[in-house]
Amino acid sequence: MRQLIFAFCIGLLPIAANAVEPDEMLTAPVLEQRAREISKDLRCVVCQNQDIDSSNAGVARDLRLLVRERLVAGDSDTEVIEYIRARYGDYVLLKPPLEPATYALWFAPIAFVLVGVFVGGGVLMSRRKQEAFEDLGSEDENTVSEILRQNEAGDAP
């Protein structure tokens, strides 16, 4: 049991680890905290849906340094995000804005679910109709009639 708990903790370690190197960190704790908050909203452009704070990629490090550089220059959080967005596009945002260019991103999953529900419902409804209206062959009708007659007479096996 101890080994299992140890393995579980070791398995979670990479998730809890941050990729921010000590040489990247700002000396002012307030600015560093703001940089961390901004970094949580920015996507690493080479990783799979990972924020730049937890990515070890070189471009993520460059983005972290850029965020800190803009904060030291006196930019607000919004200005820093817009500065990076202007250079990398909406893809760099983990929460892209709701605007005409991103409608497909926001509404495509809902549309796919609705299409799936309608197609699945249509397939199920068509199968029910086919089963309900299928005619029995004369041999099947004779078998069903025999079974019903036996049930009414109490002779059912």
Foldseek 3Di string as FASTA:
>chain_A
DVVVVVVVVVVCVLVPDWLDDPVLADPDPVLRVLLVVLQCFFCDPVDDLDGLGSDNDPVSSVLSSQLSVVVVVPDDSVVSNVVVCVVVNQVGGSDGDDDPVCCCVVCVVVVVVVVVVVVVVVVVVVVVVCVVPDDDDPVVVVVVVVQVVCVVVVNHD
